[in-house]
Amino acid sequence: MKSTMLVTFASCALFAIACSTTETRVVGGGDGGPEGGSSPANEDEPTSQPPHALGAIVLGEAHTASSSPAPIVRATFVPDAARVKSCRTKLDANCEVQQVARCKGASETGCGEGEVCTLDDACQSVCKKPVVCDSPCDAEEVCQASGTNATGTCVRAEPFDAGPLAFSGTTTPITMYPPYAYKGKGQGAPFLGGAAIKIQAQGAIGAGFDGFEETFTATTFLQTAPPLTKLNPDTLFGTGAVPIAWVAGKDTIVVTVSGAGGSATCKAEDSLGKFEIPRAAIKAALGDGASGETTSLSLAVARQKKDVKKNKKTRGTLVGVPIQPEGWLELVTVSTEKASFQSCPRGQSFCSGECVDLTTDQGNCGTCGTSCPSDQTCRAGKCGNCDSCLATAQTATCKPQVTACQSDNACNGLLGCVNGCADGDAACRTKCQTTWAAGATKFNAVVNCLRSACPVCN
């Protein structure tokens, strides 16, 4: 009989900038791969690799152009790498999007009362009621779903780790114990650029990795040129690709764009020193912008070096969860520069760093920098003089329609009646159309022609 068990481990996505401790659901019983939603096979995709348990140890720092770096130290150990579900979509050869749950409904979350929007095993957005246990669980227990019932059961959270971890070659001594919550103080990177770092694991007490000792080389620190904070928002929230540059190195560059729509991640060649973020990645991060409100966008450029050590041994058992006998250890160092930006509200665009409406802005009519003369008005993104245009159109482009209307008593009466209404007096116009209804067809022909000939008046 298949069973589901919660296996706890410290989680840190290998290409993410921020990491945190969490609980990941690993589905036990049966012997397949992941349950859908993963991207096509690549060097980082477990389904394209031999079966293995996975350990990922990350040392990193994140900074802005003007701030001191904040250290990142995380460790993750998973009994079967192929069973960690990932919902990603490929954008092109370099970029992919991490899907987020989006449910459609009348409420703000798209779900009913007491429900949350989440991704199911097929990476589809669904509304579910969170599992609630009748009584609080003990410190070493978690509330787990019991079949299809909304009421859960307290079960023991079985750890999977590698025992105490100790580092040498770092800028400060680091020793962590499961579940590997780093509580270092102060600022600064936990490593020197290009330094040799040694890590020693004592080995799991129960289920997890056997002890090991490995040495790996740290990456070098990343510096963008110009700094990300100098990126023109006109370009970022514009229409084309967004160029970025950095002091070239010899590792891997990972560019992450995050917003209301999720996160898009792109890989770039470090040695090139430059990359153009595809517009599709930025659009995916921004989402549909249905609310029309100003949204934020975060941009991070990270230099990453990853060493993979294979042929590690695992030990122990977990209830209903298979443990692969061979373990792979990924030792990752990362240096990250990041910045945040605010978009313009829907219907507006950035011009020289300011939000303007290109359809009506006198100094940016249709495109940034296109200024209308003082005797013209910007309407529908075009400069023009409405009165002058109408006068010309009535004697030229729309002359046949105007002549036909003037020769028809009902149409001519409707035309004169409407011209006598004050601007914005809808009641007057409605009364005219009722009184002179017989002339509506020819009158509408005049109106449609003038609208087409003079968009500046629309």
Protein backbone atom coordinates (compact mmCIF):
# COMPACT_ATOMS: atom_id res chain seq x y z
CA MET A 1 0.00 0.00 0.00
CA LYS A 2 1.38 3.40 -0.99
CA SER A 3 1.90 5.95 1.72
CA THR A 4 2.90 9.58 1.93
CA MET A 5 5.50 10.81 4.35
CA LEU A 6 6.80 14.26 5.10
CA VAL A 7 10.57 14.33 4.95
CA THR A 8 12.06 17.55 6.30
CA PHE A 9 15.19 19.17 4.92
CA ALA A 10 16.61 22.67 4.52
CA SER A 11 15.62 23.83 1.06
CA CYS A 12 17.73 25.93 -1.29
CA ALA A 13 17.08 25.99 -5.03
CA LEU A 14 20.44 25.82 -6.81
CA PHE A 15 19.77 28.81 -8.99
CA ALA A 16 17.73 30.88 -6.51
CA ILE A 17 19.04 33.92 -4.74
CA ALA A 18 17.10 33.60 -1.49
CA CYS A 19 16.80 30.32 0.36
CA SER A 20 14.81 29.26 3.42
CA THR A 21 13.99 26.28 5.59
CA THR A 22 10.83 24.49 4.52
CA GLU A 23 9.08 21.16 4.33
CA THR A 24 8.87 19.34 1.02
CA ARG A 25 6.41 16.59 0.27
CA VAL A 26 8.07 13.50 -1.17
CA VAL A 27 5.65 10.91 -2.53
CA GLY A 28 6.54 7.34 -1.58
CA GLY A 29 5.53 3.96 -2.98
CA GLY A 30 6.00 3.01 -6.63
CA ASP A 31 9.12 3.56 -8.65
CA GLY A 32 8.58 6.21 -11.28
CA GLY A 33 10.11 9.61 -11.93
CA PRO A 34 8.70 12.95 -10.94
CA GLU A 35 5.00 13.50 -11.29
CA GLY A 36 4.94 15.91 -14.23
CA GLY A 37 5.69 19.54 -14.79
CA SER A 38 9.47 19.44 -15.19
CA SER A 39 11.32 21.12 -18.01
CA PRO A 40 12.97 19.20 -20.88
CA ALA A 41 16.00 17.12 -19.97
CA ASN A 42 19.18 19.08 -19.20
CA GLU A 43 22.26 18.79 -17.05
CA ASP A 44 20.39 20.00 -13.96
CA GLU A 45 17.28 17.84 -14.48
CA PRO A 46 17.25 14.71 -12.25
CA THR A 47 15.08 12.77 -14.72
CA SER A 48 17.93 12.84 -17.24
CA GLN A 49 20.44 11.47 -14.70
CA PRO A 50 20.96 8.08 -13.04
CA PRO A 51 18.91 7.61 -9.83
CA HIS A 52 20.55 9.26 -6.83
CA ALA A 53 19.96 10.97 -3.53
CA LEU A 54 20.98 14.61 -3.60
CA GLY A 55 22.84 16.88 -1.24
CA ALA A 56 23.25 20.57 -2.07
CA ILE A 57 25.43 22.85 0.03
CA VAL A 58 25.42 26.54 -0.86
CA LEU A 59 27.75 29.30 0.28
CA GLY A 60 26.90 32.69 -1.12
CA GLU A 61 26.49 36.42 -0.74
CA ALA A 62 23.92 38.87 -2.08
CA HIS A 63 24.48 42.60 -2.42
CA THR A 64 23.27 45.71 -4.17
CA ALA A 65 25.64 48.13 -5.86
CA SER A 66 25.88 50.26 -2.72
CA SER A 67 25.28 47.85 0.17
CA SER A 68 27.36 45.38 2.14
CA PRO A 69 26.87 41.74 1.13
CA ALA A 70 24.57 39.51 3.15
CA PRO A 71 25.83 35.95 3.67
CA ILE A 72 23.93 32.88 2.46
CA VAL A 73 24.66 29.44 3.92
CA ARG A 74 22.25 26.58 3.21
CA ALA A 75 22.29 22.78 3.08
CA THR A 76 19.75 20.41 1.54
CA PHE A 77 19.60 16.61 1.51
CA VAL A 78 16.94 14.72 -0.46
CA PRO A 79 16.50 10.90 -0.48
CA ASP A 80 15.58 10.75 -4.18
CA ALA A 81 16.39 13.69 -6.46
CA ALA A 82 13.82 12.61 -9.07
CA ARG A 83 10.94 12.94 -6.61
CA VAL A 84 11.26 16.64 -5.95
CA LYS A 85 8.48 18.06 -8.10
CA SER A 86 9.32 21.14 -10.14
CA CYS A 87 6.85 23.12 -12.24
CA ARG A 88 8.86 24.93 -14.88
CA THR A 89 8.25 26.07 -18.44
CA LYS A 90 10.95 26.63 -21.07
CA LEU A 91 10.99 30.04 -22.76
CA ASP A 92 13.99 29.41 -25.01
CA ALA A 93 17.35 27.63 -24.94
CA ASN A 94 18.61 29.83 -22.07
CA CYS A 95 15.55 30.75 -20.01
CA GLU A 96 12.75 29.05 -18.09
CA VAL A 97 9.89 30.18 -15.85
CA GLN A 98 9.02 28.82 -12.43
CA GLN A 99 5.25 28.48 -12.43
CA VAL A 100 3.09 29.99 -9.70
CA ALA A 101 -0.42 28.95 -8.73
CA ARG A 102 -3.13 31.17 -10.23
CA CYS A 103 -6.76 30.22 -9.69
CA LYS A 104 -9.61 31.94 -11.50
CA GLY A 105 -12.59 33.01 -9.43
CA ALA A 106 -14.52 35.91 -8.03
CA SER A 107 -12.43 36.26 -4.87
CA GLU A 108 -9.01 37.90 -4.66
CA THR A 109 -7.29 34.51 -4.46
CA GLY A 110 -9.58 32.88 -7.00
CA CYS A 111 -10.71 30.32 -4.42
CA GLY A 112 -13.63 29.86 -2.06
CA GLU A 113 -13.68 30.62 1.64
CA GLY A 114 -11.15 28.58 3.58
CA GLU A 115 -9.34 27.45 0.40
CA VAL A 116 -5.89 28.23 -0.96
CA CYS A 117 -4.64 28.21 -4.53
CA THR A 118 -1.86 25.69 -5.13
CA LEU A 119 -0.24 23.60 -7.87
CA ASP A 120 -1.22 19.93 -8.02
CA ASP A 121 1.00 17.01 -9.08
CA ALA A 122 0.30 17.84 -12.74
CA CYS A 123 1.34 21.48 -12.18
CA GLN A 124 -2.23 22.70 -12.59
CA SER A 125 -3.64 25.47 -10.39
CA VAL A 126 -6.30 24.11 -8.05
CA CYS A 127 -8.16 25.34 -4.96
CA LYS A 128 -7.69 23.21 -1.84
CA LYS A 129 -8.55 23.48 1.82
CA PRO A 130 -5.42 23.41 3.97
CA VAL A 131 -4.99 20.36 6.16
CA VAL A 132 -5.88 21.05 9.80
CA CYS A 133 -5.36 18.68 12.70
CA ASP A 134 -7.85 18.50 15.58
CA SER A 135 -5.13 19.17 18.14
CA PRO A 136 -1.69 20.81 17.94
CA CYS A 137 1.12 18.50 16.84
CA ASP A 138 4.23 17.94 18.94
CA ALA A 139 7.50 19.69 18.13
CA GLU A 140 8.75 16.73 16.06
CA GLU A 141 5.44 16.15 14.30
CA VAL A 142 3.64 17.71 11.36
CA CYS A 143 -0.02 17.79 10.36
CA GLN A 144 -0.41 15.51 7.34
CA ALA A 145 -3.40 14.85 5.10
CA SER A 146 -5.25 11.62 5.78
CA GLY A 147 -6.74 10.36 2.53
CA THR A 148 -9.28 12.83 1.12
CA ASN A 149 -10.33 14.15 4.54
CA ALA A 150 -9.79 17.83 5.33
CA THR A 151 -8.83 16.84 8.87
CA GLY A 152 -5.21 15.74 9.09
CA THR A 153 -3.22 13.46 11.35
CA CYS A 154 -0.11 14.32 13.35
CA VAL A 155 2.80 12.22 12.10
CA ARG A 156 6.46 12.21 12.98
CA ALA A 157 8.57 14.24 10.58
CA GLU A 158 11.45 11.96 9.62
CA PRO A 159 14.71 13.84 8.99
CA PHE A 160 17.07 13.12 6.11
CA ASP A 161 20.44 14.82 6.49
CA ALA A 162 24.21 14.29 6.78
CA GLY A 163 24.70 15.06 10.44
CA PRO A 164 26.80 18.04 11.63
CA LEU A 165 28.58 20.01 8.87
CA ALA A 166 31.87 21.85 9.47
CA PHE A 167 33.60 24.20 7.02
CA SER A 168 37.21 25.36 6.84
CA GLY A 169 38.70 27.88 4.42
CA THR A 170 35.70 30.17 4.97
CA THR A 171 36.02 33.76 6.19
CA THR A 172 34.58 32.73 9.55
CA PRO A 173 34.28 29.28 11.15
CA ILE A 174 30.98 27.62 10.24
CA THR A 175 29.45 24.58 11.90
CA MET A 176 25.81 23.63 11.33
CA TYR A 177 23.57 20.96 12.80
CA PRO A 178 20.40 19.53 11.22
CA PRO A 179 18.10 21.09 10.08
CA TYR A 180 20.92 23.48 9.07
CA ALA A 181 19.46 26.87 9.96
CA TYR A 182 22.37 29.29 9.60
CA LYS A 183 22.46 31.96 12.31
CA GLY A 184 25.64 33.82 11.44
CA LYS A 185 25.97 37.44 12.51
CA GLY A 186 27.23 40.44 10.61
CA GLN A 187 27.75 41.15 6.93
CA GLY A 188 30.17 39.87 4.33
CA ALA A 189 30.61 36.83 2.11
CA PRO A 190 31.37 33.53 3.86
CA PHE A 191 34.24 32.87 1.41
CA LEU A 192 37.10 34.62 -0.36
CA GLY A 193 37.06 34.73 -4.14
CA GLY A 194 38.73 31.62 -5.57
CA ALA A 195 39.47 30.17 -2.13
CA ALA A 196 39.78 26.44 -1.41
CA ILE A 197 37.01 25.36 0.96
CA LYS A 198 36.80 22.09 2.84
CA ILE A 199 33.57 20.63 4.17
CA GLN A 200 33.28 17.72 6.55
CA ALA A 201 30.04 15.88 7.31
CA GLN A 202 29.89 13.59 10.31
CA GLY A 203 27.08 11.51 8.79
CA ALA A 204 23.41 11.10 9.60
CA ILE A 205 22.30 9.53 12.86
CA GLY A 206 19.29 8.00 11.13
CA ALA A 207 18.39 8.31 7.45
CA GLY A 208 20.69 10.37 5.28
CA PHE A 209 24.21 10.55 3.89
CA ASP A 210 27.21 8.75 5.30
CA GLY A 211 30.02 10.97 6.51
CA PHE A 212 32.20 12.63 3.89
CA GLU A 213 34.99 15.15 3.47
CA GLU A 214 35.38 17.21 0.30
CA THR A 215 37.33 20.22 -0.94
CA PHE A 216 36.04 22.62 -3.57
CA THR A 217 36.97 26.01 -5.04
CA ALA A 218 34.86 29.13 -4.52
CA THR A 219 33.69 31.38 -7.31
CA THR A 220 34.85 34.98 -7.70
CA PHE A 221 32.73 37.99 -6.78
CA LEU A 222 30.34 39.45 -9.31
CA GLN A 223 30.19 43.12 -10.25
CA THR A 224 27.87 44.42 -12.96
CA ALA A 225 29.04 47.26 -15.20
CA PRO A 226 27.22 49.58 -15.08
CA PRO A 227 25.56 48.63 -11.76
CA LEU A 228 22.06 47.21 -11.97
CA THR A 229 20.73 50.20 -10.05
CA LYS A 230 21.70 52.37 -13.03
CA LEU A 231 19.52 50.37 -15.40
CA ASN A 232 17.10 52.68 -17.17
CA PRO A 233 13.50 51.69 -16.33
CA ASP A 234 12.55 52.85 -19.84
CA THR A 235 14.52 49.86 -21.11
CA LEU A 236 13.45 47.40 -18.44
CA PHE A 237 9.73 48.09 -18.87
CA GLY A 238 9.98 48.78 -22.58
CA THR A 239 9.46 46.42 -25.51
CA GLY A 240 12.79 44.87 -26.45
CA ALA A 241 15.47 42.74 -24.81
CA VAL A 242 17.28 44.24 -21.80
CA PRO A 243 21.09 44.34 -22.06
CA ILE A 244 23.17 43.81 -18.92
CA ALA A 245 26.92 43.51 -18.48
CA TRP A 246 29.44 42.44 -15.85
CA VAL A 247 33.16 42.05 -15.33
CA ALA A 248 33.78 38.77 -17.16
CA GLY A 249 34.79 35.63 -15.27
CA LYS A 250 34.98 31.89 -15.94
CA ASP A 251 32.01 30.36 -14.13
CA THR A 252 28.24 30.45 -14.86
CA ILE A 253 26.01 33.52 -14.84
CA VAL A 254 22.40 33.09 -13.73
CA VAL A 255 19.98 35.98 -14.32
CA THR A 256 16.71 35.93 -12.38
CA VAL A 257 13.76 38.25 -13.00
CA SER A 258 10.99 38.09 -10.37
CA GLY A 259 7.61 39.77 -10.18
CA ALA A 260 3.91 39.19 -9.62
CA GLY A 261 3.84 36.57 -12.38
CA GLY A 262 6.63 34.43 -10.91
CA SER A 263 10.35 34.05 -11.60
CA ALA A 264 12.14 33.66 -14.91
CA THR A 265 15.70 32.34 -14.86
CA CYS A 266 18.27 32.56 -17.66
CA LYS A 267 21.79 31.15 -17.93
CA ALA A 268 24.56 33.12 -19.64
CA GLU A 269 28.23 32.64 -20.53
CA ASP A 270 30.35 34.28 -17.85
CA SER A 271 33.29 34.85 -20.21
CA LEU A 272 31.18 36.99 -22.56
CA GLY A 273 30.60 39.64 -19.91
CA LYS A 274 27.16 40.53 -21.27
CA PHE A 275 23.68 39.15 -21.90
CA GLU A 276 20.35 40.36 -23.22
CA ILE A 277 17.38 39.37 -21.09
CA PRO A 278 14.59 38.29 -23.48
CA ARG A 279 11.41 40.35 -23.32
CA ALA A 280 9.49 37.07 -22.88
CA ALA A 281 11.26 36.46 -19.55
CA ILE A 282 10.34 39.92 -18.27
CA LYS A 283 6.72 39.56 -19.39
CA ALA A 284 6.47 36.21 -17.63
CA ALA A 285 7.78 37.72 -14.38
CA LEU A 286 5.42 40.70 -14.57
CA GLY A 287 2.33 38.53 -15.17
CA ASP A 288 -0.83 39.77 -16.82
CA GLY A 289 -1.01 43.00 -14.80
CA ALA A 290 -4.80 42.64 -14.69
CA SER A 291 -5.12 44.84 -11.63
CA GLY A 292 -3.71 47.83 -13.49
CA GLU A 293 -1.71 48.80 -10.42
CA THR A 294 1.97 49.68 -10.36
CA THR A 295 4.00 46.49 -9.94
CA SER A 296 7.54 45.79 -8.82
CA LEU A 297 10.22 43.82 -10.59
CA SER A 298 13.36 42.36 -9.01
CA LEU A 299 16.47 41.65 -11.04
CA ALA A 300 19.40 39.54 -9.82
CA VAL A 301 22.61 38.60 -11.61
CA ALA A 302 24.59 35.80 -9.96
CA ARG A 303 27.96 34.21 -10.67
CA GLN A 304 27.76 30.56 -9.71
CA LYS A 305 30.30 27.77 -9.46
CA LYS A 306 29.09 24.25 -8.84
CA ASP A 307 31.21 21.18 -8.09
CA VAL A 308 29.45 17.80 -8.17
CA LYS A 309 30.87 14.93 -6.12
CA LYS A 310 29.31 11.53 -6.85
CA ASN A 311 29.53 8.04 -5.36
CA LYS A 312 28.49 9.10 -1.86
CA LYS A 313 26.73 6.51 0.28
CA THR A 314 23.38 6.82 2.01
CA ARG A 315 22.02 5.00 5.05
CA GLY A 316 18.83 4.30 6.96
CA THR A 317 15.19 3.95 5.92
CA LEU A 318 12.10 6.18 5.73
CA VAL A 319 8.50 5.03 6.01
CA GLY A 320 7.07 4.78 2.50
CA VAL A 321 9.88 6.84 0.95
CA PRO A 322 12.66 5.15 -1.04
CA ILE A 323 16.26 6.22 -0.43
CA GLN A 324 18.63 5.91 -3.37
CA PRO A 325 21.80 4.06 -2.30
CA GLU A 326 24.11 6.45 -4.15
CA GLY A 327 24.28 10.10 -3.21
CA TRP A 328 25.44 13.08 -5.26
CA LEU A 329 26.82 16.13 -3.51
CA GLU A 330 26.54 19.55 -5.15
CA LEU A 331 28.87 22.15 -3.65
CA VAL A 332 27.82 25.61 -4.81
CA THR A 333 29.26 29.07 -4.28
CA VAL A 334 27.44 32.11 -5.59
CA SER A 335 27.94 35.88 -5.70
CA THR A 336 24.83 37.94 -6.47
CA GLU A 337 24.06 41.55 -7.31
CA LYS A 338 20.40 42.57 -7.16
CA ALA A 339 18.12 45.57 -7.66
CA SER A 340 14.38 46.34 -7.56
CA PHE A 341 12.29 48.53 -9.86
CA GLN A 342 8.75 49.91 -9.99
CA SER A 343 6.71 49.76 -13.19
CA CYS A 344 4.25 52.36 -14.45
CA PRO A 345 0.50 51.81 -14.01
CA ARG A 346 -1.24 50.08 -16.90
CA GLY A 347 -1.71 52.43 -19.85
CA GLN A 348 1.43 54.44 -19.07
CA SER A 349 5.03 54.09 -20.22
CA PHE A 350 8.44 55.19 -18.99
CA CYS A 351 9.96 58.19 -20.78
CA SER A 352 13.21 59.50 -19.29
CA GLY A 353 12.37 57.72 -16.04
CA GLU A 354 8.88 59.21 -15.69
CA CYS A 355 5.50 57.57 -16.24
CA VAL A 356 3.50 59.19 -19.06
CA ASP A 357 0.44 58.38 -21.18
CA LEU A 358 1.73 58.23 -24.74
CA THR A 359 -1.78 58.69 -26.11
CA THR A 360 -2.24 62.16 -24.58
CA ASP A 361 1.12 63.48 -23.35
CA GLN A 362 2.08 66.69 -25.20
CA GLY A 363 5.81 66.08 -24.80
CA ASN A 364 5.72 62.36 -25.54
CA CYS A 365 2.99 61.83 -28.11
CA GLY A 366 2.92 58.29 -29.46
CA THR A 367 6.61 57.77 -28.67
CA CYS A 368 8.99 59.12 -26.05
CA GLY A 369 10.42 62.49 -27.04
CA THR A 370 7.82 63.33 -29.71
CA SER A 371 6.58 66.80 -28.72
CA CYS A 372 3.45 68.40 -30.20
CA PRO A 373 3.57 72.05 -31.37
CA SER A 374 1.79 74.57 -29.14
CA ASP A 375 -1.14 74.89 -31.57
CA GLN A 376 -1.71 71.12 -31.69
CA THR A 377 -3.04 68.54 -29.23
CA CYS A 378 -1.91 64.95 -28.59
CA ARG A 379 -4.83 62.58 -29.01
CA ALA A 380 -4.68 58.86 -29.67
CA GLY A 381 -0.89 59.16 -29.79
CA LYS A 382 -0.85 61.70 -32.64
CA CYS A 383 -0.28 65.44 -32.77
CA GLY A 384 -2.83 67.55 -34.61
CA ASN A 385 -5.26 70.44 -34.68
CA CYS A 386 -8.79 69.05 -34.41
CA ASP A 387 -10.64 72.11 -35.77
CA SER A 388 -8.30 72.43 -38.74
CA CYS A 389 -8.53 68.72 -39.51
CA LEU A 390 -12.34 68.69 -39.41
CA ALA A 391 -12.58 71.72 -41.67
CA THR A 392 -10.28 70.14 -44.23
CA ALA A 393 -11.96 66.72 -44.05
CA GLN A 394 -15.44 68.19 -44.64
CA THR A 395 -14.29 69.81 -47.91
CA ALA A 396 -12.04 66.97 -49.06
CA THR A 397 -12.00 63.37 -47.78
CA CYS A 398 -15.53 63.41 -46.36
CA LYS A 399 -17.11 65.83 -48.86
CA PRO A 400 -19.41 63.15 -50.49
CA GLN A 401 -20.86 62.14 -47.07
CA VAL A 402 -21.27 65.79 -45.98
CA THR A 403 -23.00 66.75 -49.27
CA ALA A 404 -25.38 63.76 -49.01
CA CYS A 405 -26.31 64.75 -45.45
CA GLN A 406 -26.85 68.43 -46.29
CA SER A 407 -29.19 67.50 -49.18
CA ASP A 408 -31.34 65.36 -46.87
CA ASN A 409 -33.74 67.33 -44.66
CA ALA A 410 -33.71 64.80 -41.78
CA CYS A 411 -29.90 64.39 -41.78
CA ASN A 412 -29.32 68.14 -42.10
CA GLY A 413 -31.74 68.74 -39.23
CA LEU A 414 -29.92 66.16 -37.07
CA LEU A 415 -26.56 67.74 -37.94
CA GLY A 416 -27.73 71.21 -36.96
CA CYS A 417 -29.39 69.92 -33.79
CA VAL A 418 -26.26 68.09 -32.61
CA ASN A 419 -24.01 71.08 -33.38
CA GLY A 420 -26.28 73.14 -31.12
CA CYS A 421 -25.71 70.86 -28.11
CA ALA A 422 -23.13 71.85 -25.53
CA ASP A 423 -20.01 69.67 -25.21
CA GLY A 424 -20.77 66.61 -23.11
CA ASP A 425 -24.54 67.14 -23.12
CA ALA A 426 -25.55 63.54 -23.81
CA ALA A 427 -29.25 64.20 -23.13
CA CYS A 428 -29.33 66.86 -25.85
CA ARG A 429 -27.70 64.57 -28.38
CA THR A 430 -30.11 61.75 -27.54
CA LYS A 431 -33.10 64.07 -28.04
CA CYS A 432 -31.71 65.16 -31.42
CA GLN A 433 -31.31 61.58 -32.57
CA THR A 434 -34.89 60.80 -31.54
CA THR A 435 -36.36 63.88 -33.26
CA TRP A 436 -34.42 63.39 -36.49
CA ALA A 437 -34.19 59.59 -36.48
CA ALA A 438 -34.84 59.37 -40.22
CA GLY A 439 -31.50 61.05 -40.92
CA ALA A 440 -29.42 58.77 -38.70
CA THR A 441 -27.93 56.61 -41.49
CA LYS A 442 -26.45 59.48 -43.49
CA PHE A 443 -25.46 61.34 -40.32
CA ASN A 444 -23.52 58.29 -39.02
CA ALA A 445 -21.74 58.06 -42.37
CA VAL A 446 -20.47 61.61 -41.88
CA VAL A 447 -19.40 60.91 -38.29
CA ASN A 448 -17.56 57.68 -39.17
CA CYS A 449 -15.72 59.35 -42.04
CA LEU A 450 -14.60 62.28 -39.88
CA ARG A 451 -13.42 59.94 -37.11
CA SER A 452 -11.34 58.03 -39.62
CA ALA A 453 -9.91 61.15 -41.23
CA CYS A 454 -9.20 62.97 -37.96
CA PRO A 455 -8.02 60.57 -35.22
CA VAL A 456 -6.65 63.61 -33.38
CA CYS A 457 -10.26 64.50 -32.57
CA ASN A 458 -11.20 61.07 -31.16
